[in-house]
Amino acid sequence: MRNGRYFSAKSILKFGIQAIRRIRALHELGYVHSDIKPENFLIGDTDPNCIHLIDFGLSRQFINTTTGEFRSPYQPKYRGTAAYCSLFVNMGYEHARRDDLISLGHTMINILERNQLPWFGTLRDYLRLVRESDSIENRSRPLHKIAAAAQKATSIEELCHRMPMMQRFFEYLYGLNYEDRPEYEYLEGILSNGLASFEADLSNNLIT
């Protein structure tokens, strides 16, 4: 929400197109962001229709740009925000380019659903249990494992029920292997085609 107004589906698609370009620019430097979520995008101060990607504290190289060797796909220590990470990352795999973009998809759905991704209730219940329980067993399971189980139980159709054009977005990304380079133009095209389903709007305004 901004200035008392919520982002429409059309605005979220426009946001997504810009976000893909920001993420792609980082990937082309050999880095993944590893913490794509709503809080890490800012709307421009001088240009409210321009978004900025911020907070690179968890970013790391996914490839040695000299040798072309990829980082191991097995994550020694979990990094990221479980609520927005991909199922791959929540299962313990290292962040890859596909995972930044899956997290972007989760971010877009979450903005539309006003902070109600399908697995948020499960995560809130678990955190409440941890706070209220004296049992070591209840405190021992990492949050990302809880998120992974809840994500496995959520179909792409359920996730995208209010933005059905996003089904192809997620299906494509979940079909990629760890080292695969995403087709960024294809993903932008999915969102652009989604925009075409709305009335013609030639403006770049994010808030509609």
N, C-alpha and C. Protein backbone atom coordinates (compact mmCIF):
# COMPACT_ATOMS: atom_id res chain seq x y z
N MET A 1 0.85 -1.19 0.00
CA MET A 1 0.00 0.00 0.00
C MET A 1 0.89 1.24 0.00
N ARG A 2 0.47 2.27 -0.71
CA ARG A 2 1.20 3.54 -0.75
C ARG A 2 0.20 4.67 -0.70
N ASN A 3 0.40 5.59 0.26
CA ASN A 3 -0.50 6.74 0.41
C ASN A 3 -1.96 6.33 0.47
N GLY A 4 -2.23 5.24 1.20
CA GLY A 4 -3.61 4.81 1.39
C GLY A 4 -4.19 4.04 0.22
N ARG A 5 -3.38 3.79 -0.82
CA ARG A 5 -3.88 3.07 -1.98
C ARG A 5 -3.11 1.76 -2.15
N TYR A 6 -3.81 0.73 -2.58
CA TYR A 6 -3.16 -0.56 -2.83
C TYR A 6 -2.73 -0.65 -4.29
N PHE A 7 -1.75 -1.49 -4.54
CA PHE A 7 -1.32 -1.74 -5.90
C PHE A 7 -2.31 -2.68 -6.58
N SER A 8 -2.73 -2.34 -7.78
CA SER A 8 -3.60 -3.20 -8.56
C SER A 8 -2.77 -4.29 -9.22
N ALA A 9 -3.44 -5.31 -9.77
CA ALA A 9 -2.73 -6.37 -10.49
C ALA A 9 -1.93 -5.78 -11.65
N LYS A 10 -2.50 -4.80 -12.32
CA LYS A 10 -1.81 -4.15 -13.44
C LYS A 10 -0.53 -3.48 -12.97
N SER A 11 -0.60 -2.77 -11.85
CA SER A 11 0.58 -2.11 -11.30
C SER A 11 1.64 -3.12 -10.89
N ILE A 12 1.20 -4.24 -10.34
CA ILE A 12 2.14 -5.28 -9.90
C ILE A 12 2.87 -5.89 -11.09
N LEU A 13 2.17 -6.06 -12.21
CA LEU A 13 2.82 -6.58 -13.41
C LEU A 13 3.86 -5.59 -13.93
N LYS A 14 3.54 -4.31 -13.90
CA LYS A 14 4.51 -3.29 -14.31
C LYS A 14 5.73 -3.30 -13.37
N PHE A 15 5.46 -3.42 -12.09
CA PHE A 15 6.54 -3.55 -11.11
C PHE A 15 7.41 -4.76 -11.44
N GLY A 16 6.78 -5.90 -11.75
CA GLY A 16 7.51 -7.12 -12.02
C GLY A 16 8.45 -6.99 -13.21
N ILE A 17 8.01 -6.31 -14.25
CA ILE A 17 8.85 -6.12 -15.43
C ILE A 17 10.10 -5.33 -15.06
N GLN A 18 9.93 -4.25 -14.31
CA GLN A 18 11.10 -3.48 -13.86
C GLN A 18 12.00 -4.31 -12.96
N ALA A 19 11.39 -5.07 -12.07
CA ALA A 19 12.17 -5.86 -11.11
C ALA A 19 13.01 -6.92 -11.83
N ILE A 20 12.45 -7.55 -12.86
CA ILE A 20 13.22 -8.53 -13.63
C ILE A 20 14.48 -7.87 -14.18
N ARG A 21 14.35 -6.66 -14.67
CA ARG A 21 15.50 -5.96 -15.25
C ARG A 21 16.55 -5.64 -14.20
N ARG A 22 16.12 -5.26 -13.00
CA ARG A 22 17.08 -4.98 -11.92
C ARG A 22 17.81 -6.25 -11.52
N ILE A 23 17.06 -7.33 -11.39
CA ILE A 23 17.66 -8.61 -10.99
C ILE A 23 18.60 -9.12 -12.07
N ARG A 24 18.19 -8.99 -13.32
CA ARG A 24 19.04 -9.43 -14.43
C ARG A 24 20.37 -8.69 -14.41
N ALA A 25 20.34 -7.38 -14.17
CA ALA A 25 21.58 -6.59 -14.14
C ALA A 25 22.54 -7.13 -13.08
N LEU A 26 22.01 -7.51 -11.92
CA LEU A 26 22.84 -8.09 -10.87
C LEU A 26 23.40 -9.44 -11.30
N HIS A 27 22.55 -10.27 -11.89
CA HIS A 27 22.99 -11.59 -12.35
C HIS A 27 24.11 -11.48 -13.38
N GLU A 28 24.02 -10.49 -14.24
CA GLU A 28 25.03 -10.35 -15.28
C GLU A 28 26.40 -9.94 -14.72
N LEU A 29 26.41 -9.51 -13.46
CA LEU A 29 27.68 -9.24 -12.77
C LEU A 29 28.22 -10.49 -12.08
N GLY A 30 27.44 -11.59 -12.14
CA GLY A 30 27.87 -12.84 -11.53
C GLY A 30 27.36 -13.05 -10.12
N TYR A 31 26.39 -12.24 -9.69
CA TYR A 31 25.87 -12.32 -8.32
C TYR A 31 24.38 -12.65 -8.30
N VAL A 32 23.98 -13.37 -7.24
CA VAL A 32 22.56 -13.52 -6.93
C VAL A 32 22.27 -12.67 -5.69
N HIS A 33 21.04 -12.16 -5.60
CA HIS A 33 20.68 -11.29 -4.48
C HIS A 33 20.44 -12.09 -3.21
N SER A 34 19.69 -13.17 -3.32
CA SER A 34 19.43 -14.13 -2.24
C SER A 34 18.41 -13.68 -1.20
N ASP A 35 17.86 -12.48 -1.34
CA ASP A 35 16.86 -12.03 -0.36
C ASP A 35 15.83 -11.11 -1.03
N ILE A 36 15.29 -11.57 -2.15
CA ILE A 36 14.26 -10.81 -2.86
C ILE A 36 12.96 -10.89 -2.07
N LYS A 37 12.44 -9.74 -1.67
CA LYS A 37 11.19 -9.65 -0.92
C LYS A 37 10.69 -8.21 -1.01
N PRO A 38 9.44 -7.94 -0.63
CA PRO A 38 8.90 -6.59 -0.80
C PRO A 38 9.74 -5.50 -0.15
N GLU A 39 10.28 -5.79 1.03
CA GLU A 39 11.04 -4.77 1.77
C GLU A 39 12.31 -4.34 1.05
N ASN A 40 12.77 -5.12 0.09
CA ASN A 40 14.02 -4.80 -0.59
C ASN A 40 13.82 -4.15 -1.95
N PHE A 41 12.63 -3.60 -2.16
CA PHE A 41 12.38 -2.75 -3.31
C PHE A 41 11.89 -1.40 -2.81
N LEU A 42 12.42 -0.35 -3.40
CA LEU A 42 11.99 1.01 -3.05
C LEU A 42 11.44 1.70 -4.29
N ILE A 43 10.41 2.51 -4.08
CA ILE A 43 9.89 3.35 -5.15
C ILE A 43 10.70 4.63 -5.17
N GLY A 44 11.08 5.08 -6.37
CA GLY A 44 11.93 6.26 -6.49
C GLY A 44 11.33 7.49 -5.83
N ASP A 45 12.20 8.31 -5.26
CA ASP A 45 11.76 9.54 -4.60
C ASP A 45 11.41 10.60 -5.64
N THR A 46 12.32 10.81 -6.58
CA THR A 46 12.08 11.82 -7.61
C THR A 46 11.20 11.29 -8.73
N ASP A 47 11.25 9.97 -8.96
CA ASP A 47 10.41 9.35 -9.99
C ASP A 47 9.66 8.19 -9.34
N PRO A 48 8.40 8.40 -8.96
CA PRO A 48 7.64 7.35 -8.26
C PRO A 48 7.29 6.15 -9.14
N ASN A 49 7.63 6.21 -10.42
CA ASN A 49 7.36 5.09 -11.32
C ASN A 49 8.61 4.27 -11.61
N CYS A 50 9.68 4.55 -10.84
CA CYS A 50 10.93 3.81 -10.98
C CYS A 50 11.19 3.06 -9.68
N ILE A 51 11.52 1.78 -9.77
CA ILE A 51 11.81 1.01 -8.56
C ILE A 51 13.31 0.73 -8.46
N HIS A 52 13.76 0.54 -7.24
CA HIS A 52 15.16 0.28 -6.96
C HIS A 52 15.27 -0.98 -6.11
N LEU A 53 16.24 -1.83 -6.43
CA LEU A 53 16.54 -3.02 -5.64
C LEU A 53 17.62 -2.66 -4.63
N ILE A 54 17.41 -3.01 -3.37
CA ILE A 54 18.35 -2.62 -2.31
C ILE A 54 18.76 -3.84 -1.46
N ASP A 55 19.61 -3.60 -0.49
CA ASP A 55 20.04 -4.56 0.53
C ASP A 55 20.73 -5.78 -0.08
N PHE A 56 22.01 -5.62 -0.34
CA PHE A 56 22.79 -6.69 -0.96
C PHE A 56 23.63 -7.45 0.07
N GLY A 57 23.20 -7.40 1.33
CA GLY A 57 23.96 -8.04 2.41
C GLY A 57 24.09 -9.55 2.29
N LEU A 58 23.13 -10.20 1.65
CA LEU A 58 23.18 -11.66 1.47
C LEU A 58 23.61 -12.06 0.06
N SER A 59 23.93 -11.07 -0.77
CA SER A 59 24.33 -11.37 -2.15
C SER A 59 25.68 -12.09 -2.16
N ARG A 60 25.84 -12.96 -3.13
CA ARG A 60 27.12 -13.62 -3.29
C ARG A 60 27.27 -14.09 -4.73
N GLN A 61 28.52 -14.31 -5.12
CA GLN A 61 28.78 -14.79 -6.48
C GLN A 61 28.22 -16.20 -6.65
N PHE A 62 27.53 -16.43 -7.76
CA PHE A 62 27.10 -17.79 -8.07
C PHE A 62 28.05 -18.45 -9.05
N ILE A 63 28.96 -17.66 -9.62
CA ILE A 63 29.89 -18.20 -10.60
C ILE A 63 31.22 -17.46 -10.49
N ASN A 64 32.31 -18.19 -10.69
CA ASN A 64 33.62 -17.56 -10.79
C ASN A 64 33.74 -16.97 -12.19
N THR A 65 33.74 -15.65 -12.27
CA THR A 65 33.70 -15.01 -13.59
C THR A 65 34.99 -15.21 -14.38
N THR A 66 36.05 -15.67 -13.71
CA THR A 66 37.31 -15.95 -14.41
C THR A 66 37.32 -17.36 -14.99
N THR A 67 36.92 -18.34 -14.16
CA THR A 67 36.97 -19.74 -14.59
C THR A 67 35.65 -20.24 -15.17
N GLY A 68 34.56 -19.55 -14.86
CA GLY A 68 33.24 -20.02 -15.30
C GLY A 68 32.69 -21.15 -14.44
N GLU A 69 33.35 -21.42 -13.31
CA GLU A 69 32.91 -22.50 -12.43
C GLU A 69 31.80 -22.01 -11.50
N PHE A 70 30.73 -22.80 -11.39
CA PHE A 70 29.60 -22.45 -10.54
C PHE A 70 29.87 -22.86 -9.09
N ARG A 71 29.30 -22.10 -8.18
CA ARG A 71 29.33 -22.46 -6.77
C ARG A 71 28.58 -23.78 -6.57
N SER A 72 28.98 -24.55 -5.58
CA SER A 72 28.28 -25.81 -5.28
C SER A 72 26.80 -25.54 -5.02
N PRO A 73 25.91 -26.41 -5.53
CA PRO A 73 24.48 -26.20 -5.32
C PRO A 73 24.00 -26.54 -3.92
N TYR A 74 24.89 -27.03 -3.07
CA TYR A 74 24.48 -27.42 -1.72
C TYR A 74 24.86 -26.32 -0.74
N GLN A 75 23.87 -25.81 -0.02
CA GLN A 75 24.02 -24.64 0.83
C GLN A 75 24.55 -25.05 2.21
N PRO A 76 25.75 -24.62 2.59
CA PRO A 76 26.28 -25.02 3.90
C PRO A 76 25.53 -24.36 5.06
N LYS A 77 25.02 -23.16 4.82
CA LYS A 77 24.29 -22.43 5.86
C LYS A 77 23.14 -21.69 5.19
N TYR A 78 21.95 -21.81 5.77
CA TYR A 78 20.77 -21.21 5.15
C TYR A 78 20.88 -19.69 5.13
N ARG A 79 20.53 -19.11 3.99
CA ARG A 79 20.49 -17.66 3.84
C ARG A 79 19.18 -17.29 3.16
N GLY A 80 18.59 -16.19 3.59
CA GLY A 80 17.37 -15.72 2.94
C GLY A 80 16.22 -15.59 3.91
N THR A 81 15.08 -15.18 3.38
CA THR A 81 13.85 -15.04 4.15
C THR A 81 12.92 -16.17 3.73
N ALA A 82 12.70 -17.12 4.62
CA ALA A 82 12.01 -18.37 4.27
C ALA A 82 10.65 -18.14 3.62
N ALA A 83 9.94 -17.12 4.05
CA ALA A 83 8.59 -16.87 3.52
C ALA A 83 8.60 -16.55 2.03
N TYR A 84 9.72 -16.02 1.52
CA TYR A 84 9.78 -15.62 0.11
C TYR A 84 10.71 -16.48 -0.72
N CYS A 85 11.56 -17.27 -0.08
CA CYS A 85 12.51 -18.09 -0.83
C CYS A 85 11.79 -19.16 -1.64
N SER A 86 12.47 -19.65 -2.66
CA SER A 86 11.92 -20.73 -3.47
C SER A 86 11.92 -22.04 -2.69
N LEU A 87 11.17 -23.00 -3.19
CA LEU A 87 11.17 -24.33 -2.58
C LEU A 87 12.57 -24.93 -2.62
N PHE A 88 13.30 -24.71 -3.72
CA PHE A 88 14.66 -25.23 -3.82
C PHE A 88 15.52 -24.75 -2.65
N VAL A 89 15.49 -23.45 -2.40
CA VAL A 89 16.32 -22.87 -1.34
C VAL A 89 15.85 -23.35 0.03
N ASN A 90 14.54 -23.40 0.24
CA ASN A 90 14.03 -23.85 1.53
C ASN A 90 14.31 -25.33 1.78
N MET A 91 14.58 -26.08 0.72
CA MET A 91 14.97 -27.48 0.87
C MET A 91 16.46 -27.63 1.13
N GLY A 92 17.20 -26.53 1.07
CA GLY A 92 18.62 -26.58 1.42
C GLY A 92 19.59 -26.37 0.28
N TYR A 93 19.09 -26.06 -0.92
CA TYR A 93 19.98 -25.82 -2.05
C TYR A 93 20.45 -24.37 -2.06
N GLU A 94 21.60 -24.15 -2.68
CA GLU A 94 22.16 -22.81 -2.79
C GLU A 94 21.28 -21.96 -3.72
N HIS A 95 21.32 -20.66 -3.49
CA HIS A 95 20.58 -19.73 -4.36
C HIS A 95 21.17 -19.74 -5.76
N ALA A 96 20.30 -19.81 -6.75
CA ALA A 96 20.68 -19.68 -8.15
C ALA A 96 19.87 -18.54 -8.76
N ARG A 97 20.14 -18.24 -10.01
CA ARG A 97 19.41 -17.14 -10.66
C ARG A 97 17.90 -17.40 -10.67
N ARG A 98 17.51 -18.65 -10.92
CA ARG A 98 16.09 -18.98 -10.94
C ARG A 98 15.42 -18.62 -9.61
N ASP A 99 16.16 -18.77 -8.51
CA ASP A 99 15.57 -18.59 -7.18
C ASP A 99 15.28 -17.12 -6.88
N ASP A 100 16.15 -16.22 -7.34
CA ASP A 100 15.83 -14.80 -7.20
C ASP A 100 14.52 -14.48 -7.90
N LEU A 101 14.31 -15.07 -9.06
CA LEU A 101 13.11 -14.76 -9.85
C LEU A 101 11.87 -15.43 -9.27
N ILE A 102 12.02 -16.62 -8.71
CA ILE A 102 10.89 -17.24 -8.00
C ILE A 102 10.50 -16.38 -6.80
N SER A 103 11.50 -15.88 -6.08
CA SER A 103 11.21 -14.99 -4.95
C SER A 103 10.51 -13.72 -5.42
N LEU A 104 10.87 -13.24 -6.60
CA LEU A 104 10.15 -12.09 -7.16
C LEU A 104 8.69 -12.45 -7.40
N GLY A 105 8.44 -13.63 -7.95
CA GLY A 105 7.06 -14.07 -8.15
C GLY A 105 6.29 -14.12 -6.84
N HIS A 106 6.92 -14.65 -5.80
CA HIS A 106 6.27 -14.68 -4.48
C HIS A 106 6.00 -13.25 -3.98
N THR A 107 6.95 -12.36 -4.23
CA THR A 107 6.77 -10.96 -3.83
C THR A 107 5.57 -10.34 -4.53
N MET A 108 5.44 -10.58 -5.82
CA MET A 108 4.33 -10.01 -6.59
C MET A 108 2.99 -10.54 -6.09
N ILE A 109 2.92 -11.86 -5.87
CA ILE A 109 1.67 -12.45 -5.37
C ILE A 109 1.35 -11.89 -3.99
N ASN A 110 2.38 -11.75 -3.15
CA ASN A 110 2.15 -11.26 -1.79
C ASN A 110 1.63 -9.82 -1.78
N ILE A 111 2.15 -8.98 -2.66
CA ILE A 111 1.66 -7.60 -2.74
C ILE A 111 0.18 -7.60 -3.13
N LEU A 112 -0.17 -8.44 -4.10
CA LEU A 112 -1.57 -8.51 -4.53
C LEU A 112 -2.46 -9.03 -3.42
N GLU A 113 -1.99 -10.05 -2.71
CA GLU A 113 -2.79 -10.68 -1.66
C GLU A 113 -2.71 -9.93 -0.32
N ARG A 114 -1.98 -8.82 -0.31
CA ARG A 114 -1.86 -7.98 0.89
C ARG A 114 -1.33 -8.77 2.09
N ASN A 115 -0.14 -9.35 1.84
CA ASN A 115 0.59 -10.07 2.89
C ASN A 115 -0.08 -11.37 3.29
N GLN A 116 -0.54 -12.14 2.29
CA GLN A 116 -1.23 -13.40 2.59
C GLN A 116 -0.82 -14.50 1.62
N LEU A 117 0.47 -14.78 1.48
CA LEU A 117 0.87 -15.95 0.70
C LEU A 117 0.31 -17.19 1.38
N PRO A 118 0.02 -18.26 0.61
CA PRO A 118 -0.68 -19.42 1.17
C PRO A 118 -0.01 -20.05 2.40
N TRP A 119 1.31 -19.97 2.47
CA TRP A 119 2.01 -20.62 3.60
C TRP A 119 2.27 -19.68 4.77
N PHE A 120 1.85 -18.44 4.68
CA PHE A 120 2.10 -17.50 5.78
C PHE A 120 1.42 -17.94 7.07
N GLY A 121 0.20 -18.47 6.97
CA GLY A 121 -0.50 -18.91 8.17
C GLY A 121 0.25 -20.02 8.88
N THR A 122 0.80 -20.96 8.11
CA THR A 122 1.58 -22.05 8.70
C THR A 122 2.81 -21.51 9.42
N LEU A 123 3.49 -20.55 8.80
CA LEU A 123 4.68 -19.98 9.42
C LEU A 123 4.34 -19.21 10.68
N ARG A 124 3.25 -18.46 10.65
CA ARG A 124 2.83 -17.72 11.85
C ARG A 124 2.48 -18.66 12.99
N ASP A 125 1.77 -19.75 12.65
CA ASP A 125 1.40 -20.72 13.68
C ASP A 125 2.64 -21.36 14.30
N TYR A 126 3.62 -21.68 13.46
CA TYR A 126 4.84 -22.30 13.97
C TYR A 126 5.61 -21.33 14.88
N LEU A 127 5.72 -20.08 14.46
CA LEU A 127 6.44 -19.10 15.28
C LEU A 127 5.74 -18.87 16.61
N ARG A 128 4.41 -18.90 16.58
CA ARG A 128 3.65 -18.76 17.83
C ARG A 128 3.92 -19.97 18.74
N LEU A 129 3.95 -21.16 18.15
CA LEU A 129 4.23 -22.37 18.92
C LEU A 129 5.61 -22.31 19.56
N VAL A 130 6.58 -21.84 18.79
CA VAL A 130 7.95 -21.73 19.32
C VAL A 130 8.00 -20.76 20.49
N ARG A 131 7.30 -19.64 20.36
CA ARG A 131 7.31 -18.64 21.45
C ARG A 131 6.65 -19.17 22.71
N GLU A 132 5.60 -19.96 22.54
CA GLU A 132 4.80 -20.38 23.69
C GLU A 132 5.21 -21.73 24.26
N SER A 133 6.05 -22.46 23.55
CA SER A 133 6.38 -23.82 23.96
C SER A 133 7.69 -23.89 24.72
N ASP A 134 7.73 -24.79 25.69
CA ASP A 134 8.97 -25.06 26.42
C ASP A 134 9.69 -26.28 25.86
N SER A 135 9.07 -26.92 24.87
CA SER A 135 9.62 -28.15 24.32
C SER A 135 10.78 -27.85 23.37
N ILE A 136 11.90 -28.49 23.61
CA ILE A 136 13.06 -28.34 22.72
C ILE A 136 12.72 -28.86 21.33
N GLU A 137 11.92 -29.93 21.28
CA GLU A 137 11.54 -30.51 19.99
C GLU A 137 10.80 -29.49 19.14
N ASN A 138 9.91 -28.72 19.75
CA ASN A 138 9.14 -27.73 19.00
C ASN A 138 9.99 -26.56 18.53
N ARG A 139 11.16 -26.38 19.16
CA ARG A 139 12.03 -25.27 18.80
C ARG A 139 13.14 -25.68 17.84
N SER A 140 13.27 -26.97 17.57
CA SER A 140 14.45 -27.47 16.88
C SER A 140 14.33 -27.48 15.36
N ARG A 141 13.13 -27.37 14.84
CA ARG A 141 12.96 -27.46 13.39
C ARG A 141 13.12 -26.08 12.76
N PRO A 142 14.06 -25.93 11.83
CA PRO A 142 14.28 -24.61 11.22
C PRO A 142 13.04 -24.11 10.48
N LEU A 143 12.88 -22.80 10.48
CA LEU A 143 11.71 -22.20 9.84
C LEU A 143 11.65 -22.52 8.35
N HIS A 144 12.81 -22.58 7.68
CA HIS A 144 12.77 -22.84 6.24
C HIS A 144 12.28 -24.25 5.93
N LYS A 145 12.47 -25.19 6.86
CA LYS A 145 11.93 -26.54 6.65
C LYS A 145 10.40 -26.53 6.76
N ILE A 146 9.87 -25.73 7.68
CA ILE A 146 8.42 -25.57 7.80
C ILE A 146 7.88 -24.94 6.52
N ALA A 147 8.59 -23.92 6.03
CA ALA A 147 8.16 -23.25 4.80
C ALA A 147 8.18 -24.22 3.62
N ALA A 148 9.22 -25.05 3.53
CA ALA A 148 9.32 -26.00 2.42
C ALA A 148 8.15 -26.96 2.41
N ALA A 149 7.79 -27.49 3.58
CA ALA A 149 6.66 -28.42 3.67
C ALA A 149 5.36 -27.75 3.24
N ALA A 150 5.17 -26.50 3.66
CA ALA A 150 3.95 -25.77 3.30
C ALA A 150 3.93 -25.43 1.81
N GLN A 151 5.09 -25.11 1.25
CA GLN A 151 5.15 -24.82 -0.19
C GLN A 151 4.88 -26.07 -1.02
N LYS A 152 5.39 -27.21 -0.58
CA LYS A 152 5.12 -28.47 -1.29
C LYS A 152 3.63 -28.77 -1.33
N ALA A 153 2.92 -28.36 -0.29
CA ALA A 153 1.48 -28.64 -0.20
C ALA A 153 0.64 -27.61 -0.95
N THR A 154 1.28 -26.62 -1.55
CA THR A 154 0.57 -25.55 -2.27
C THR A 154 0.79 -25.72 -3.76
N SER A 155 -0.28 -25.90 -4.52
CA SER A 155 -0.15 -26.02 -5.97
C SER A 155 0.10 -24.65 -6.59
N ILE A 156 0.70 -24.65 -7.77
CA ILE A 156 0.92 -23.39 -8.48
C ILE A 156 -0.42 -22.73 -8.80
N GLU A 157 -1.42 -23.55 -9.11
CA GLU A 157 -2.76 -23.01 -9.40
C GLU A 157 -3.32 -22.27 -8.19
N GLU A 158 -3.13 -22.85 -7.01
CA GLU A 158 -3.61 -22.20 -5.78
C GLU A 158 -2.85 -20.91 -5.53
N LEU A 159 -1.54 -20.95 -5.71
CA LEU A 159 -0.71 -19.78 -5.48
C LEU A 159 -1.12 -18.62 -6.40
N CYS A 160 -1.47 -18.96 -7.64
CA CYS A 160 -1.72 -17.94 -8.66
C CYS A 160 -3.20 -17.72 -8.95
N HIS A 161 -4.07 -18.06 -8.01
CA HIS A 161 -5.50 -18.04 -8.33
C HIS A 161 -6.01 -16.65 -8.68
N ARG A 162 -5.36 -15.60 -8.20
CA ARG A 162 -5.79 -14.24 -8.55
C ARG A 162 -4.94 -13.62 -9.65
N MET A 163 -3.84 -14.29 -10.01
CA MET A 163 -3.00 -13.83 -11.12
C MET A 163 -2.64 -15.05 -11.96
N PRO A 164 -3.59 -15.62 -12.69
CA PRO A 164 -3.36 -16.87 -13.41
C PRO A 164 -2.23 -16.80 -14.43
N MET A 165 -1.93 -15.60 -14.93
CA MET A 165 -0.82 -15.49 -15.88
C MET A 165 0.52 -15.84 -15.24
N MET A 166 0.59 -15.83 -13.91
CA MET A 166 1.84 -16.14 -13.22
C MET A 166 2.12 -17.64 -13.18
N GLN A 167 1.16 -18.47 -13.54
CA GLN A 167 1.40 -19.91 -13.54
C GLN A 167 2.55 -20.27 -14.47
N ARG A 168 2.55 -19.72 -15.68
CA ARG A 168 3.63 -20.01 -16.63
C ARG A 168 4.97 -19.50 -16.10
N PHE A 169 4.94 -18.38 -15.41
CA PHE A 169 6.14 -17.79 -14.82
C PHE A 169 6.79 -18.79 -13.86
N PHE A 170 6.01 -19.32 -12.93
CA PHE A 170 6.54 -20.27 -11.95
C PHE A 170 6.88 -21.62 -12.59
N GLU A 171 6.04 -22.10 -13.49
CA GLU A 171 6.30 -23.40 -14.12
C GLU A 171 7.61 -23.37 -14.89
N TYR A 172 7.87 -22.27 -15.58
CA TYR A 172 9.13 -22.14 -16.32
C TYR A 172 10.32 -22.16 -15.36
N LEU A 173 10.26 -21.36 -14.31
CA LEU A 173 11.40 -21.25 -13.39
C LEU A 173 11.65 -22.55 -12.63
N TYR A 174 10.58 -23.24 -12.23
CA TYR A 174 10.77 -24.50 -11.52
C TYR A 174 11.26 -25.61 -12.44
N GLY A 175 11.23 -25.37 -13.75
CA GLY A 175 11.76 -26.33 -14.71
C GLY A 175 13.24 -26.14 -15.00
N LEU A 176 13.84 -25.09 -14.44
CA LEU A 176 15.26 -24.82 -14.68
C LEU A 176 16.15 -25.59 -13.72
N ASN A 177 17.32 -25.96 -14.20
CA ASN A 177 18.34 -26.56 -13.35
C ASN A 177 19.17 -25.47 -12.68
N TYR A 178 19.96 -25.87 -11.72
CA TYR A 178 20.71 -24.93 -10.89
C TYR A 178 21.56 -23.96 -11.72
N GLU A 179 22.25 -24.47 -12.74
CA GLU A 179 23.16 -23.62 -13.50
C GLU A 179 22.50 -22.92 -14.68
N ASP A 180 21.26 -23.23 -14.98
CA ASP A 180 20.60 -22.67 -16.17
C ASP A 180 20.45 -21.16 -16.07
N ARG A 181 20.69 -20.51 -17.20
CA ARG A 181 20.43 -19.07 -17.29
C ARG A 181 18.96 -18.86 -17.64
N PRO A 182 18.23 -18.11 -16.84
CA PRO A 182 16.82 -17.84 -17.17
C PRO A 182 16.70 -17.00 -18.44
N GLU A 183 15.63 -17.22 -19.16
CA GLU A 183 15.32 -16.37 -20.32
C GLU A 183 14.52 -15.17 -19.80
N TYR A 184 15.23 -14.13 -19.48
CA TYR A 184 14.61 -12.96 -18.86
C TYR A 184 13.56 -12.32 -19.77
N GLU A 185 13.86 -12.30 -21.08
CA GLU A 185 12.91 -11.71 -22.01
C GLU A 185 11.60 -12.50 -22.04
N TYR A 186 11.71 -13.81 -21.92
CA TYR A 186 10.51 -14.66 -21.90
C TYR A 186 9.66 -14.33 -20.67
N LEU A 187 10.30 -14.17 -19.54
CA LEU A 187 9.57 -13.85 -18.31
C LEU A 187 8.93 -12.47 -18.40
N GLU A 188 9.66 -11.50 -18.95
CA GLU A 188 9.06 -10.19 -19.17
C GLU A 188 7.86 -10.30 -20.10
N GLY A 189 7.98 -11.16 -21.11
CA GLY A 189 6.88 -11.34 -22.05
C GLY A 189 5.63 -11.88 -21.39
N ILE A 190 5.80 -12.80 -20.44
CA ILE A 190 4.64 -13.33 -19.71
C ILE A 190 3.91 -12.20 -19.00
N LEU A 191 4.68 -11.33 -18.35
CA LEU A 191 4.06 -10.23 -17.62
C LEU A 191 3.47 -9.20 -18.57
N SER A 192 4.15 -8.94 -19.68
CA SER A 192 3.62 -8.00 -20.67
C SER A 192 2.32 -8.51 -21.27
N ASN A 193 2.25 -9.80 -21.54
CA ASN A 193 1.01 -10.38 -22.06
C ASN A 193 -0.10 -10.28 -21.02
N GLY A 194 0.27 -10.41 -19.74
CA GLY A 194 -0.72 -10.23 -18.69
C GLY A 194 -1.28 -8.82 -18.68
N LEU A 195 -0.41 -7.84 -18.94
CA LEU A 195 -0.86 -6.46 -19.01
C LEU A 195 -1.86 -6.25 -20.14
N ALA A 196 -1.66 -6.99 -21.23
CA ALA A 196 -2.54 -6.83 -22.39
C ALA A 196 -3.97 -7.25 -22.08
N SER A 197 -4.16 -8.02 -21.00
CA SER A 197 -5.51 -8.46 -20.64
C SER A 197 -6.30 -7.34 -19.95
N PHE A 198 -5.60 -6.27 -19.58
CA PHE A 198 -6.27 -5.12 -19.00
C PHE A 198 -6.57 -4.11 -20.10
N GLU A 199 -7.35 -3.11 -19.77
CA GLU A 199 -7.61 -2.05 -20.74
C GLU A 199 -6.28 -1.41 -21.12
N ALA A 200 -6.20 -0.94 -22.37
CA ALA A 200 -4.97 -0.31 -22.84
C ALA A 200 -4.59 0.84 -21.92
N ASP A 201 -3.36 0.82 -21.46
CA ASP A 201 -2.86 1.88 -20.59
C ASP A 201 -1.43 2.13 -20.99
N LEU A 202 -1.20 3.23 -21.66
CA LEU A 202 0.12 3.51 -22.20
C LEU A 202 1.02 4.20 -21.18
N SER A 203 0.49 4.50 -20.00
CA SER A 203 1.31 5.17 -18.99
C SER A 203 2.22 4.17 -18.31
N ASN A 204 3.24 4.71 -17.63
CA ASN A 204 4.15 3.88 -16.85
C ASN A 204 3.83 3.95 -15.37
N ASN A 205 2.68 4.52 -15.02
CA ASN A 205 2.35 4.70 -13.61
C ASN A 205 2.26 3.37 -12.89
N LEU A 206 2.98 3.25 -11.78
CA LEU A 206 2.94 2.01 -11.01
C LEU A 206 1.66 1.90 -10.21
N ILE A 207 1.17 3.01 -9.68
CA ILE A 207 -0.03 2.97 -8.84
C ILE A 207 -1.23 3.37 -9.68
N THR A 208 -2.19 2.45 -9.84
CA THR A 208 -3.36 2.70 -10.68
C THR A 208 -4.62 2.40 -9.92
